[in-house]
Amino acid sequence: MSLFSQLGMLVIGLSGILFGIALSYIAPEELEAGKKYFLFLRAIFYIIFAAVTTYFIWPVMSLVGILVQLILLGGLILRWKTFALKYEILIYAAFISCFLLVTTSAYFPIAATCIFLYGLPVGTLIRTK
């Protein structure tokens, strides 16, 4: 798989934030009532992404891979029931580094989908602030 197609998948995955923001404009009356559900969905998609990444990075686990997994685990613990944009930026940096570290071609579409699904509640939560 070429680098261009990998980066294209990454851009599509990161567009989930934009779709989440658009969703918040479509249904603004649901933002406050649904905030706890958005936080829950964000945590679930976070766990799914971490599990998928661990599965694909396990055969080539290096010091960098272990460090990225510890960052992902630390991010989950730090912000389980809260939302802060500075933590989200760090988490997306960890997502991007995971995406670029794994060389298995089967990983890229799955990871892009996980990043996209994670971005939907995050984009909506950005607007609730």
N, C-alpha and C. Protein backbone atom coordinates (compact mmCIF):
# COMPACT_ATOMS: atom_id res chain seq x y z
N MET A 1 0.85 -1.17 0.00
CA MET A 1 0.00 0.00 0.00
C MET A 1 0.90 1.23 0.00
N SER A 2 0.58 2.18 -0.84
CA SER A 2 1.43 3.34 -0.98
C SER A 2 1.20 4.34 0.16
N LEU A 3 2.17 5.19 0.33
CA LEU A 3 2.09 6.21 1.37
C LEU A 3 0.94 7.17 1.11
N PHE A 4 0.67 7.45 -0.16
CA PHE A 4 -0.42 8.36 -0.51
C PHE A 4 -1.77 7.80 -0.09
N SER A 5 -1.97 6.51 -0.30
CA SER A 5 -3.25 5.92 0.09
C SER A 5 -3.37 5.81 1.61
N GLN A 6 -2.25 5.58 2.29
CA GLN A 6 -2.27 5.56 3.75
C GLN A 6 -2.65 6.93 4.30
N LEU A 7 -2.05 7.97 3.77
CA LEU A 7 -2.36 9.32 4.24
C LEU A 7 -3.79 9.71 3.88
N GLY A 8 -4.28 9.24 2.73
CA GLY A 8 -5.67 9.49 2.37
C GLY A 8 -6.63 8.86 3.37
N MET A 9 -6.34 7.63 3.77
CA MET A 9 -7.16 6.98 4.79
C MET A 9 -7.10 7.71 6.11
N LEU A 10 -5.91 8.21 6.46
CA LEU A 10 -5.76 8.96 7.71
C LEU A 10 -6.58 10.25 7.67
N VAL A 11 -6.56 10.94 6.55
CA VAL A 11 -7.34 12.18 6.42
C VAL A 11 -8.84 11.87 6.51
N ILE A 12 -9.27 10.79 5.87
CA ILE A 12 -10.68 10.41 5.96
C ILE A 12 -11.03 10.05 7.40
N GLY A 13 -10.14 9.37 8.10
CA GLY A 13 -10.39 9.05 9.50
C GLY A 13 -10.48 10.28 10.37
N LEU A 14 -9.61 11.23 10.13
CA LEU A 14 -9.61 12.46 10.93
C LEU A 14 -10.79 13.36 10.61
N SER A 15 -11.45 13.13 9.49
CA SER A 15 -12.61 13.95 9.14
C SER A 15 -13.81 13.66 10.03
N GLY A 16 -13.73 12.65 10.87
CA GLY A 16 -14.80 12.36 11.80
C GLY A 16 -15.09 13.52 12.74
N ILE A 17 -14.06 14.28 13.07
CA ILE A 17 -14.25 15.46 13.92
C ILE A 17 -15.14 16.47 13.21
N LEU A 18 -14.90 16.69 11.93
CA LEU A 18 -15.72 17.64 11.18
C LEU A 18 -17.17 17.18 11.08
N PHE A 19 -17.36 15.88 10.89
CA PHE A 19 -18.72 15.36 10.84
C PHE A 19 -19.40 15.46 12.21
N GLY A 20 -18.64 15.30 13.29
CA GLY A 20 -19.19 15.47 14.63
C GLY A 20 -19.62 16.91 14.88
N ILE A 21 -18.82 17.87 14.41
CA ILE A 21 -19.19 19.27 14.55
C ILE A 21 -20.42 19.56 13.71
N ALA A 22 -20.48 19.01 12.50
CA ALA A 22 -21.68 19.20 11.66
C ALA A 22 -22.91 18.59 12.33
N LEU A 23 -22.74 17.45 12.96
CA LEU A 23 -23.84 16.82 13.68
C LEU A 23 -24.35 17.70 14.81
N SER A 24 -23.43 18.39 15.47
CA SER A 24 -23.84 19.28 16.57
C SER A 24 -24.62 20.49 16.05
N TYR A 25 -24.37 20.91 14.83
CA TYR A 25 -25.16 22.00 14.25
C TYR A 25 -26.53 21.52 13.75
N ILE A 26 -26.60 20.27 13.36
CA ILE A 26 -27.87 19.72 12.89
C ILE A 26 -28.86 19.55 14.04
N ALA A 27 -28.38 19.10 15.19
CA ALA A 27 -29.26 18.85 16.33
C ALA A 27 -28.73 19.56 17.58
N PRO A 28 -28.77 20.89 17.64
CA PRO A 28 -28.21 21.59 18.80
C PRO A 28 -29.00 21.37 20.09
N GLU A 29 -30.28 21.04 19.98
CA GLU A 29 -31.08 20.84 21.19
C GLU A 29 -30.72 19.55 21.91
N GLU A 30 -30.02 18.65 21.25
CA GLU A 30 -29.66 17.37 21.85
C GLU A 30 -28.28 17.39 22.51
N LEU A 31 -27.56 18.49 22.43
CA LEU A 31 -26.19 18.51 22.93
C LEU A 31 -26.11 18.30 24.44
N GLU A 32 -26.85 19.07 25.20
CA GLU A 32 -26.77 18.95 26.66
C GLU A 32 -27.35 17.63 27.15
N ALA A 33 -28.47 17.23 26.57
CA ALA A 33 -29.11 15.98 27.00
C ALA A 33 -28.25 14.76 26.65
N GLY A 34 -27.53 14.82 25.57
CA GLY A 34 -26.76 13.68 25.11
C GLY A 34 -25.29 13.70 25.48
N LYS A 35 -24.86 14.66 26.29
CA LYS A 35 -23.44 14.79 26.59
C LYS A 35 -22.89 13.54 27.27
N LYS A 36 -23.63 12.96 28.20
CA LYS A 36 -23.13 11.77 28.88
C LYS A 36 -23.00 10.59 27.91
N TYR A 37 -23.88 10.54 26.93
CA TYR A 37 -23.80 9.47 25.93
C TYR A 37 -22.62 9.68 24.98
N PHE A 38 -22.35 10.93 24.65
CA PHE A 38 -21.19 11.23 23.81
C PHE A 38 -19.90 10.88 24.53
N LEU A 39 -19.83 11.18 25.84
CA LEU A 39 -18.65 10.81 26.62
C LEU A 39 -18.49 9.29 26.67
N PHE A 40 -19.60 8.57 26.81
CA PHE A 40 -19.56 7.12 26.85
C PHE A 40 -19.10 6.55 25.50
N LEU A 41 -19.67 7.07 24.41
CA LEU A 41 -19.27 6.60 23.08
C LEU A 41 -17.80 6.89 22.80
N ARG A 42 -17.34 8.05 23.23
CA ARG A 42 -15.94 8.39 23.03
C ARG A 42 -15.04 7.39 23.75
N ALA A 43 -15.40 7.02 24.97
CA ALA A 43 -14.60 6.04 25.72
C ALA A 43 -14.64 4.67 25.06
N ILE A 44 -15.80 4.25 24.58
CA ILE A 44 -15.93 2.94 23.93
C ILE A 44 -15.08 2.89 22.65
N PHE A 45 -15.18 3.92 21.81
CA PHE A 45 -14.40 3.94 20.57
C PHE A 45 -12.90 4.04 20.86
N TYR A 46 -12.55 4.71 21.94
CA TYR A 46 -11.15 4.80 22.37
C TYR A 46 -10.62 3.42 22.72
N ILE A 47 -11.40 2.66 23.49
CA ILE A 47 -10.99 1.31 23.89
C ILE A 47 -10.88 0.41 22.66
N ILE A 48 -11.82 0.53 21.74
CA ILE A 48 -11.77 -0.28 20.52
C ILE A 48 -10.51 0.03 19.71
N PHE A 49 -10.20 1.34 19.56
CA PHE A 49 -8.99 1.70 18.82
C PHE A 49 -7.74 1.17 19.50
N ALA A 50 -7.67 1.29 20.82
CA ALA A 50 -6.50 0.79 21.55
C ALA A 50 -6.37 -0.73 21.41
N ALA A 51 -7.49 -1.44 21.43
CA ALA A 51 -7.45 -2.90 21.28
C ALA A 51 -7.00 -3.30 19.88
N VAL A 52 -7.53 -2.62 18.87
CA VAL A 52 -7.14 -2.92 17.48
C VAL A 52 -5.66 -2.62 17.28
N THR A 53 -5.20 -1.51 17.80
CA THR A 53 -3.80 -1.14 17.65
C THR A 53 -2.89 -2.13 18.37
N THR A 54 -3.29 -2.54 19.57
CA THR A 54 -2.50 -3.52 20.31
C THR A 54 -2.42 -4.84 19.55
N TYR A 55 -3.53 -5.25 18.96
CA TYR A 55 -3.53 -6.50 18.20
C TYR A 55 -2.55 -6.44 17.02
N PHE A 56 -2.54 -5.33 16.30
CA PHE A 56 -1.68 -5.25 15.11
C PHE A 56 -0.24 -4.88 15.44
N ILE A 57 -0.02 -4.21 16.57
CA ILE A 57 1.34 -3.79 16.89
C ILE A 57 2.07 -4.85 17.73
N TRP A 58 1.34 -5.81 18.26
CA TRP A 58 1.93 -6.81 19.14
C TRP A 58 3.08 -7.60 18.49
N PRO A 59 2.96 -8.07 17.25
CA PRO A 59 4.08 -8.84 16.68
C PRO A 59 5.36 -8.02 16.51
N VAL A 60 5.26 -6.74 16.34
CA VAL A 60 6.45 -5.91 16.14
C VAL A 60 6.62 -4.94 17.31
N MET A 61 6.19 -5.37 18.50
CA MET A 61 6.22 -4.49 19.66
C MET A 61 7.65 -4.06 19.93
N SER A 62 7.84 -2.77 19.90
CA SER A 62 9.14 -2.19 20.19
C SER A 62 8.95 -1.20 21.33
N LEU A 63 10.00 -0.54 21.69
CA LEU A 63 9.93 0.45 22.76
C LEU A 63 8.97 1.58 22.40
N VAL A 64 8.97 1.98 21.15
CA VAL A 64 8.06 3.04 20.70
C VAL A 64 6.62 2.56 20.78
N GLY A 65 6.37 1.33 20.38
CA GLY A 65 5.02 0.78 20.45
C GLY A 65 4.51 0.68 21.87
N ILE A 66 5.38 0.25 22.77
CA ILE A 66 4.99 0.18 24.17
C ILE A 66 4.70 1.58 24.71
N LEU A 67 5.52 2.55 24.34
CA LEU A 67 5.32 3.92 24.79
C LEU A 67 3.99 4.48 24.28
N VAL A 68 3.66 4.21 23.03
CA VAL A 68 2.39 4.68 22.47
C VAL A 68 1.22 4.03 23.19
N GLN A 69 1.32 2.74 23.48
CA GLN A 69 0.25 2.07 24.20
C GLN A 69 0.09 2.62 25.61
N LEU A 70 1.19 2.95 26.26
CA LEU A 70 1.10 3.56 27.60
C LEU A 70 0.46 4.95 27.54
N ILE A 71 0.74 5.70 26.47
CA ILE A 71 0.10 7.00 26.29
C ILE A 71 -1.40 6.83 26.09
N LEU A 72 -1.78 5.84 25.29
CA LEU A 72 -3.20 5.58 25.08
C LEU A 72 -3.89 5.17 26.37
N LEU A 73 -3.26 4.31 27.15
CA LEU A 73 -3.84 3.89 28.42
C LEU A 73 -3.91 5.06 29.40
N GLY A 74 -2.86 5.85 29.46
CA GLY A 74 -2.86 7.02 30.34
C GLY A 74 -3.92 8.03 29.94
N GLY A 75 -4.11 8.20 28.66
CA GLY A 75 -5.15 9.11 28.19
C GLY A 75 -6.53 8.65 28.59
N LEU A 76 -6.75 7.35 28.55
CA LEU A 76 -8.05 6.82 28.96
C LEU A 76 -8.29 7.06 30.44
N ILE A 77 -7.29 6.86 31.25
CA ILE A 77 -7.44 7.06 32.69
C ILE A 77 -7.63 8.53 33.02
N LEU A 78 -6.89 9.42 32.37
CA LEU A 78 -6.96 10.85 32.68
C LEU A 78 -8.29 11.48 32.33
N ARG A 79 -8.94 11.01 31.29
CA ARG A 79 -10.11 11.73 30.82
C ARG A 79 -11.33 10.85 30.61
N TRP A 80 -11.54 9.91 31.51
CA TRP A 80 -12.65 8.98 31.35
C TRP A 80 -13.99 9.70 31.33
N LYS A 81 -14.23 10.61 32.27
CA LYS A 81 -15.54 11.28 32.36
C LYS A 81 -15.44 12.78 32.12
N THR A 82 -14.34 13.26 31.66
CA THR A 82 -14.19 14.68 31.40
C THR A 82 -13.85 14.89 29.93
N PHE A 83 -13.92 16.14 29.52
CA PHE A 83 -13.55 16.47 28.15
C PHE A 83 -12.68 17.72 28.19
N ALA A 84 -11.47 17.61 27.67
CA ALA A 84 -10.57 18.75 27.55
C ALA A 84 -9.90 18.66 26.19
N LEU A 85 -9.92 19.76 25.48
CA LEU A 85 -9.37 19.78 24.12
C LEU A 85 -7.88 19.48 24.10
N LYS A 86 -7.14 19.90 25.14
CA LYS A 86 -5.69 19.64 25.15
C LYS A 86 -5.40 18.14 25.22
N TYR A 87 -6.22 17.37 25.95
CA TYR A 87 -6.03 15.93 25.98
C TYR A 87 -6.41 15.29 24.65
N GLU A 88 -7.43 15.82 24.00
CA GLU A 88 -7.84 15.27 22.72
C GLU A 88 -6.76 15.46 21.66
N ILE A 89 -6.06 16.58 21.70
CA ILE A 89 -4.96 16.81 20.75
C ILE A 89 -3.85 15.78 20.98
N LEU A 90 -3.53 15.50 22.24
CA LEU A 90 -2.51 14.49 22.54
C LEU A 90 -2.96 13.09 22.12
N ILE A 91 -4.23 12.79 22.32
CA ILE A 91 -4.74 11.48 21.94
C ILE A 91 -4.71 11.33 20.43
N TYR A 92 -5.09 12.37 19.70
CA TYR A 92 -5.03 12.28 18.24
C TYR A 92 -3.58 12.17 17.75
N ALA A 93 -2.64 12.79 18.45
CA ALA A 93 -1.23 12.61 18.09
C ALA A 93 -0.81 11.16 18.31
N ALA A 94 -1.29 10.54 19.38
CA ALA A 94 -1.00 9.12 19.61
C ALA A 94 -1.68 8.25 18.55
N PHE A 95 -2.91 8.61 18.16
CA PHE A 95 -3.59 7.86 17.10
C PHE A 95 -2.81 7.92 15.80
N ILE A 96 -2.35 9.10 15.45
CA ILE A 96 -1.61 9.27 14.19
C ILE A 96 -0.29 8.51 14.25
N SER A 97 0.40 8.55 15.40
CA SER A 97 1.66 7.81 15.50
C SER A 97 1.42 6.31 15.42
N CYS A 98 0.33 5.82 16.02
CA CYS A 98 -0.02 4.39 15.87
C CYS A 98 -0.28 4.06 14.41
N PHE A 99 -1.01 4.94 13.76
CA PHE A 99 -1.36 4.72 12.35
C PHE A 99 -0.11 4.63 11.50
N LEU A 100 0.88 5.45 11.80
CA LEU A 100 2.09 5.47 10.98
C LEU A 100 3.10 4.40 11.39
N LEU A 101 3.01 3.88 12.62
CA LEU A 101 3.97 2.88 13.09
C LEU A 101 3.69 1.49 12.53
N VAL A 102 2.44 1.13 12.45
CA VAL A 102 2.09 -0.22 12.03
C VAL A 102 2.20 -0.32 10.51
N THR A 103 2.86 -1.36 10.04
CA THR A 103 3.08 -1.50 8.60
C THR A 103 2.17 -2.54 7.97
N THR A 104 1.30 -3.16 8.75
CA THR A 104 0.38 -4.15 8.21
C THR A 104 -0.70 -3.46 7.40
N SER A 105 -0.89 -3.88 6.16
CA SER A 105 -1.84 -3.20 5.29
C SER A 105 -3.28 -3.42 5.71
N ALA A 106 -3.58 -4.50 6.44
CA ALA A 106 -4.94 -4.74 6.91
C ALA A 106 -5.32 -3.77 8.03
N TYR A 107 -4.34 -3.19 8.67
CA TYR A 107 -4.59 -2.29 9.80
C TYR A 107 -5.15 -0.95 9.38
N PHE A 108 -4.74 -0.43 8.25
CA PHE A 108 -5.06 0.95 7.87
C PHE A 108 -6.55 1.22 7.72
N PRO A 109 -7.32 0.41 6.99
CA PRO A 109 -8.76 0.71 6.90
C PRO A 109 -9.48 0.56 8.24
N ILE A 110 -9.06 -0.41 9.03
CA ILE A 110 -9.69 -0.61 10.34
C ILE A 110 -9.39 0.56 11.26
N ALA A 111 -8.13 0.99 11.27
CA ALA A 111 -7.75 2.11 12.13
C ALA A 111 -8.40 3.41 11.68
N ALA A 112 -8.49 3.63 10.38
CA ALA A 112 -9.14 4.84 9.88
C ALA A 112 -10.61 4.87 10.28
N THR A 113 -11.26 3.72 10.24
CA THR A 113 -12.65 3.64 10.66
C THR A 113 -12.79 3.92 12.15
N CYS A 114 -11.89 3.37 12.96
CA CYS A 114 -11.92 3.62 14.40
C CYS A 114 -11.68 5.09 14.71
N ILE A 115 -10.75 5.71 14.02
CA ILE A 115 -10.47 7.13 14.24
C ILE A 115 -11.67 7.97 13.82
N PHE A 116 -12.31 7.61 12.72
CA PHE A 116 -13.50 8.33 12.27
C PHE A 116 -14.62 8.22 13.30
N LEU A 117 -14.88 7.01 13.77
CA LEU A 117 -15.94 6.82 14.76
C LEU A 117 -15.62 7.52 16.07
N TYR A 118 -14.35 7.55 16.46
CA TYR A 118 -13.96 8.28 17.67
C TYR A 118 -14.17 9.78 17.48
N GLY A 119 -13.96 10.27 16.29
CA GLY A 119 -14.08 11.71 16.02
C GLY A 119 -15.50 12.22 16.05
N LEU A 120 -16.49 11.37 15.79
CA LEU A 120 -17.88 11.82 15.81
C LEU A 120 -18.29 12.37 17.17
N PRO A 121 -18.15 11.61 18.27
CA PRO A 121 -18.52 12.21 19.57
C PRO A 121 -17.57 13.31 20.01
N VAL A 122 -16.29 13.22 19.62
CA VAL A 122 -15.35 14.28 20.00
C VAL A 122 -15.73 15.60 19.33
N GLY A 123 -16.07 15.56 18.06
CA GLY A 123 -16.50 16.77 17.35
C GLY A 123 -17.75 17.37 17.95
N THR A 124 -18.66 16.51 18.37
CA THR A 124 -19.88 17.00 19.00
C THR A 124 -19.57 17.61 20.36
N LEU A 125 -18.66 16.99 21.12
CA LEU A 125 -18.30 17.52 22.43
C LEU A 125 -17.52 18.82 22.34
N ILE A 126 -16.80 19.03 21.25
CA ILE A 126 -16.11 20.30 21.06
C ILE A 126 -17.08 21.46 21.05
N ARG A 127 -18.21 21.24 20.44
CA ARG A 127 -19.21 22.31 20.35
C ARG A 127 -19.97 22.52 21.66
N THR A 128 -19.99 21.54 22.55
CA THR A 128 -20.70 21.70 23.82
C THR A 128 -19.94 22.57 24.79
N LYS A 129 -18.69 22.81 24.56
CA LYS A 129 -17.88 23.63 25.47
C LYS A 129 -18.32 25.08 25.43
